[in-house]
C-alpha atoms as a PDB file:
ATOM      1  CA  UNK A   1       3.988  15.317  24.770  1.00  0.00           C
ATOM      2  CA  UNK A   2       1.652  15.526  21.798  1.00  0.00           C
ATOM      3  CA  UNK A   3       2.698  17.063  18.501  1.00  0.00           C
ATOM      4  CA  UNK A   4       0.052  18.256  16.064  1.00  0.00           C
ATOM      5  CA  UNK A   5      -0.164  16.193  12.881  1.00  0.00           C
ATOM      6  CA  UNK A   6       1.116  17.667   9.644  1.00  0.00           C
ATOM      7  CA  UNK A   7      -1.624  18.377   7.092  1.00  0.00           C
ATOM      8  CA  UNK A   8      -1.177  19.189   3.419  1.00  0.00           C
ATOM      9  CA  UNK A   9      -3.999  19.421   0.905  1.00  0.00           C
ATOM     10  CA  UNK A  10      -3.802  19.970  -2.821  1.00  0.00           C
ATOM     11  CA  UNK A  11      -6.257  19.663  -5.696  1.00  0.00           C
ATOM     12  CA  UNK A  12      -5.154  17.797  -8.800  1.00  0.00           C
ATOM     13  CA  UNK A  13      -6.798  17.726 -12.229  1.00  0.00           C
ATOM     14  CA  UNK A  14      -7.387  13.976 -12.398  1.00  0.00           C
ATOM     15  CA  UNK A  15     -10.098  11.724 -10.929  1.00  0.00           C
ATOM     16  CA  UNK A  16      -9.421   9.902  -7.627  1.00  0.00           C
ATOM     17  CA  UNK A  17      -8.615   6.598  -9.348  1.00  0.00           C
ATOM     18  CA  UNK A  18      -5.822   8.229 -11.347  1.00  0.00           C
ATOM     19  CA  UNK A  19      -4.538  10.278  -8.393  1.00  0.00           C
ATOM     20  CA  UNK A  20      -4.351   7.137  -6.232  1.00  0.00           C
ATOM     21  CA  UNK A  21      -2.562   5.257  -9.018  1.00  0.00           C
ATOM     22  CA  UNK A  22      -0.024   8.045  -9.599  1.00  0.00           C
ATOM     23  CA  UNK A  23       0.681   8.356  -5.904  1.00  0.00           C
ATOM     24  CA  UNK A  24       1.085   4.650  -5.228  1.00  0.00           C
ATOM     25  CA  UNK A  25       2.612   3.259  -8.441  1.00  0.00           C
ATOM     26  CA  UNK A  26       4.606   6.166  -9.898  1.00  0.00           C
ATOM     27  CA  UNK A  27       6.153   7.541  -6.732  1.00  0.00           C
ATOM     28  CA  UNK A  28       9.598   7.299  -8.279  1.00  0.00           C
ATOM     29  CA  UNK A  29       8.530   9.695 -11.038  1.00  0.00           C
ATOM     30  CA  UNK A  30       7.700  12.519  -8.656  1.00  0.00           C
ATOM     31  CA  UNK A  31       9.445  11.870  -5.318  1.00  0.00           C
ATOM     32  CA  UNK A  32      12.381  14.323  -4.995  1.00  0.00           C
ATOM     33  CA  UNK A  33      15.697  12.593  -5.701  1.00  0.00           C
ATOM     34  CA  UNK A  34      17.382  14.108  -2.636  1.00  0.00           C
ATOM     35  CA  UNK A  35      14.844  12.502  -0.311  1.00  0.00           C
ATOM     36  CA  UNK A  36      16.627   9.188   0.186  1.00  0.00           C
ATOM     37  CA  UNK A  37      17.790   7.053   3.103  1.00  0.00           C
ATOM     38  CA  UNK A  38      20.472   5.112   1.234  1.00  0.00           C
ATOM     39  CA  UNK A  39      23.856   5.910  -0.256  1.00  0.00           C
ATOM     40  CA  UNK A  40      23.046   3.602  -3.182  1.00  0.00           C
ATOM     41  CA  UNK A  41      21.620   5.864  -5.941  1.00  0.00           C
ATOM     42  CA  UNK A  42      17.873   5.307  -6.165  1.00  0.00           C
ATOM     43  CA  UNK A  43      16.476   3.747  -9.320  1.00  0.00           C
ATOM     44  CA  UNK A  44      12.967   2.962  -8.082  1.00  0.00           C
ATOM     45  CA  UNK A  45      10.447   3.422  -5.325  1.00  0.00           C
ATOM     46  CA  UNK A  46       8.202   0.443  -4.821  1.00  0.00           C
ATOM     47  CA  UNK A  47       5.036  -0.190  -2.851  1.00  0.00           C
ATOM     48  CA  UNK A  48       3.330  -3.559  -2.508  1.00  0.00           C
ATOM     49  CA  UNK A  49      -0.412  -2.951  -3.080  1.00  0.00           C
ATOM     50  CA  UNK A  50      -1.693  -4.777   0.011  1.00  0.00           C
ATOM     51  CA  UNK A  51      -1.970  -4.447   3.760  1.00  0.00           C
ATOM     52  CA  UNK A  52       1.393  -5.346   5.270  1.00  0.00           C
ATOM     53  CA  UNK A  53       3.154  -4.654   1.973  1.00  0.00           C
ATOM     54  CA  UNK A  54       6.666  -3.250   1.817  1.00  0.00           C
ATOM     55  CA  UNK A  55       7.348   0.279   0.611  1.00  0.00           C
ATOM     56  CA  UNK A  56      10.651   1.982   0.079  1.00  0.00           C
ATOM     57  CA  UNK A  57      13.441   2.604  -2.371  1.00  0.00           C
ATOM     58  CA  UNK A  58      15.514   0.322  -4.540  1.00  0.00           C
ATOM     59  CA  UNK A  59      19.071   1.303  -5.338  1.00  0.00           C
ATOM     60  CA  UNK A  60      21.256   0.957  -8.398  1.00  0.00           C
ATOM     61  CA  UNK A  61      22.976  -2.065  -6.856  1.00  0.00           C
ATOM     62  CA  UNK A  62      19.645  -3.714  -6.043  1.00  0.00           C
ATOM     63  CA  UNK A  63      19.707  -2.725  -2.392  1.00  0.00           C
ATOM     64  CA  UNK A  64      16.308  -2.230  -0.819  1.00  0.00           C
ATOM     65  CA  UNK A  65      15.889   0.501   1.773  1.00  0.00           C
ATOM     66  CA  UNK A  66      12.547   0.090   3.487  1.00  0.00           C
ATOM     67  CA  UNK A  67      10.606   3.199   4.458  1.00  0.00           C
ATOM     68  CA  UNK A  68       7.709   1.383   6.094  1.00  0.00           C
ATOM     69  CA  UNK A  69       4.727  -0.793   5.315  1.00  0.00           C
ATOM     70  CA  UNK A  70       1.214  -0.450   3.963  1.00  0.00           C
ATOM     71  CA  UNK A  71      -1.351  -0.290   6.786  1.00  0.00           C
ATOM     72  CA  UNK A  72      -4.477   0.203   4.630  1.00  0.00           C
ATOM     73  CA  UNK A  73      -4.960  -0.069   0.863  1.00  0.00           C
ATOM     74  CA  UNK A  74      -8.390   1.268  -0.114  1.00  0.00           C
ATOM     75  CA  UNK A  75      -8.313   2.543  -3.704  1.00  0.00           C
ATOM     76  CA  UNK A  76      -9.312   5.024  -4.826  1.00  0.00           C
ATOM     77  CA  UNK A  77     -10.090   6.810  -1.565  1.00  0.00           C
ATOM     78  CA  UNK A  78      -7.444   6.069   1.048  1.00  0.00           C
ATOM     79  CA  UNK A  79      -3.879   4.893   1.504  1.00  0.00           C
ATOM     80  CA  UNK A  80      -2.411   4.527   4.996  1.00  0.00           C
ATOM     81  CA  UNK A  81       1.322   3.967   5.336  1.00  0.00           C
ATOM     82  CA  UNK A  82       3.586   3.283   8.279  1.00  0.00           C
ATOM     83  CA  UNK A  83       6.456   5.788   8.118  1.00  0.00           C
ATOM     84  CA  UNK A  84       9.254   3.936   9.865  1.00  0.00           C
ATOM     85  CA  UNK A  85      12.139   6.304   9.231  1.00  0.00           C
ATOM     86  CA  UNK A  86      13.730   7.582  12.429  1.00  0.00           C
ATOM     87  CA  UNK A  87      15.470  10.859  13.293  1.00  0.00           C
ATOM     88  CA  UNK A  88      18.733   9.526  11.805  1.00  0.00           C
ATOM     89  CA  UNK A  89      16.866   8.977   8.518  1.00  0.00           C
ATOM     90  CA  UNK A  90      17.176   5.204   8.793  1.00  0.00           C
ATOM     91  CA  UNK A  91      14.521   2.495   8.750  1.00  0.00           C
ATOM     92  CA  UNK A  92      13.467   1.542  12.273  1.00  0.00           C
ATOM     93  CA  UNK A  93      11.054  -1.408  12.495  1.00  0.00           C
ATOM     94  CA  UNK A  94      10.139  -0.409  16.079  1.00  0.00           C
ATOM     95  CA  UNK A  95       8.974   3.077  15.014  1.00  0.00           C
ATOM     96  CA  UNK A  96       5.605   3.684  13.389  1.00  0.00           C
ATOM     97  CA  UNK A  97       4.262   7.111  12.545  1.00  0.00           C
ATOM     98  CA  UNK A  98       1.274   7.143  10.230  1.00  0.00           C
ATOM     99  CA  UNK A  99       1.092   8.778   6.837  1.00  0.00           C
ATOM    100  CA  UNK A 100      -2.489   8.884   5.570  1.00  0.00           C
ATOM    101  CA  UNK A 101      -3.498   9.983   2.085  1.00  0.00           C
ATOM    102  CA  UNK A 102      -7.112  10.531   1.125  1.00  0.00           C
ATOM    103  CA  UNK A 103      -8.360  11.128  -2.405  1.00  0.00           C
ATOM    104  CA  UNK A 104     -11.711  12.939  -2.487  1.00  0.00           C
ATOM    105  CA  UNK A 105     -13.580  13.719  -5.729  1.00  0.00           C
ATOM    106  CA  UNK A 106     -14.184  17.401  -6.464  1.00  0.00           C
ATOM    107  CA  UNK A 107     -16.049  17.467  -9.761  1.00  0.00           C
ATOM    108  CA  UNK A 108     -13.595  15.997 -12.299  1.00  0.00           C
ATOM    109  CA  UNK A 109     -10.657  16.694  -9.973  1.00  0.00           C
ATOM    110  CA  UNK A 110      -9.368  15.187  -6.723  1.00  0.00           C
ATOM    111  CA  UNK A 111      -8.617  16.780  -3.407  1.00  0.00           C
ATOM    112  CA  UNK A 112      -5.554  14.966  -2.063  1.00  0.00           C
ATOM    113  CA  UNK A 113      -5.010  15.283   1.674  1.00  0.00           C
ATOM    114  CA  UNK A 114      -1.852  14.125   3.419  1.00  0.00           C
ATOM    115  CA  UNK A 115      -1.736  13.733   7.182  1.00  0.00           C
ATOM    116  CA  UNK A 116       1.462  12.663   8.966  1.00  0.00           C
ATOM    117  CA  UNK A 117       0.592  11.860  12.571  1.00  0.00           C
ATOM    118  CA  UNK A 118       1.927  10.272  15.760  1.00  0.00           C
ATOM    119  CA  UNK A 119       5.031  12.450  15.508  1.00  0.00           C
ATOM    120  CA  UNK A 120       5.583  12.279  19.263  1.00  0.00           C
ATOM    121  CA  UNK A 121       6.742   8.696  18.660  1.00  0.00           C
ATOM    122  CA  UNK A 122      10.075  10.148  17.505  1.00  0.00           C
ATOM    123  CA  UNK A 123      10.760  10.597  21.231  1.00  0.00           C
ATOM    124  CA  UNK A 124      13.450  13.139  22.129  1.00  0.00           C
ATOM    125  CA  UNK A 125      13.780  14.028  18.439  1.00  0.00           C
ATOM    126  CA  UNK A 126      10.037  14.599  17.937  1.00  0.00           C
ATOM    127  CA  UNK A 127      10.067  18.374  17.680  1.00  0.00           C
ATOM    128  CA  UNK A 128      13.123  18.412  15.400  1.00  0.00           C
ATOM    129  CA  UNK A 129      11.596  15.760  13.116  1.00  0.00           C
ATOM    130  CA  UNK A 130       8.216  17.481  13.075  1.00  0.00           C
ATOM    131  CA  UNK A 131       9.892  20.692  11.914  1.00  0.00           C
ATOM    132  CA  UNK A 132      11.880  18.881   9.202  1.00  0.00           C
ATOM    133  CA  UNK A 133       8.784  17.060   7.990  1.00  0.00           C
ATOM    134  CA  UNK A 134       6.672  20.247   8.063  1.00  0.00           C
ATOM    135  CA  UNK A 135       9.286  21.870   5.839  1.00  0.00           C
ATOM    136  CA  UNK A 136       9.658  18.825   3.569  1.00  0.00           C
ATOM    137  CA  UNK A 137       6.107  17.701   2.862  1.00  0.00           C
ATOM    138  CA  UNK A 138       5.021  20.821   0.902  1.00  0.00           C
ATOM    139  CA  UNK A 139       7.666  20.212  -1.788  1.00  0.00           C
ATOM    140  CA  UNK A 140       6.913  16.487  -1.954  1.00  0.00           C
ATOM    141  CA  UNK A 141       3.167  17.085  -2.289  1.00  0.00           C
ATOM    142  CA  UNK A 142       3.769  19.759  -4.940  1.00  0.00           C
ATOM    143  CA  UNK A 143       5.977  17.391  -6.950  1.00  0.00           C
ATOM    144  CA  UNK A 144       3.144  14.831  -6.908  1.00  0.00           C
ATOM    145  CA  UNK A 145       0.655  17.505  -8.013  1.00  0.00           C
ATOM    146  CA  UNK A 146       2.974  18.596 -10.822  1.00  0.00           C
ATOM    147  CA  UNK A 147       2.989  15.057 -12.217  1.00  0.00           C
ATOM    148  CA  UNK A 148      -0.769  14.608 -11.748  1.00  0.00           C
ATOM    149  CA  UNK A 149      -1.475  17.970 -13.408  1.00  0.00           C
ATOM    150  CA  UNK A 150       0.738  17.220 -16.411  1.00  0.00           C
ATOM    151  CA  UNK A 151       3.407  19.791 -15.551  1.00  0.00           C
ATOM    152  CA  UNK A 152       5.955  17.058 -14.974  1.00  0.00           C
ATOM    153  CA  UNK A 153       6.274  13.992 -17.164  1.00  0.00           C
ATOM    154  CA  UNK A 154       9.031  12.509 -15.092  1.00  0.00           C
ATOM    155  CA  UNK A 155      10.968  14.038 -12.223  1.00  0.00           C
ATOM    156  CA  UNK A 156      14.747  14.301 -12.531  1.00  0.00           C
ATOM    157  CA  UNK A 157      14.786  11.294 -10.208  1.00  0.00           C
ATOM    158  CA  UNK A 158      13.492   8.954 -12.886  1.00  0.00           C
ATOM    159  CA  UNK A 159      16.039   9.973 -15.515  1.00  0.00           C
ATOM    160  CA  UNK A 160      18.054   6.944 -14.333  1.00  0.00           C
ATOM    161  CA  UNK A 161      15.227   4.487 -15.093  1.00  0.00           C
END
């Protein structure tokens, strides 16, 4: 069974260098607070800026809930992440679906493209997860664009910083 990748594209009013930086280093400022895999209230989202680097959330009590790892770190044009969150919304080191972000210059702006692929790797839950992710990514991408476009200084999620 093959499931079509999820694609989302949005243009933001910053150059690729800034878009890449906002996506990779200020994720906590725009990632929706309800999108969490831990019961420990989230105080940060962290991403190590290197291939093999950890990415995930850090809770109020210092707990780290891994979401995956960095597969490619190519600023300012591409970021490739392993999404290792299973159908139970828990980290699964044996699962790897790929989340690729590209940042393409369009004049003074950037076209940001998200592709979430290899969804069939969710196994029996693949279609259910694909539907949930198809419904979830538009809001996540829009929250990023709101920060990049200056319509959001800090998401409600970062009010606990």
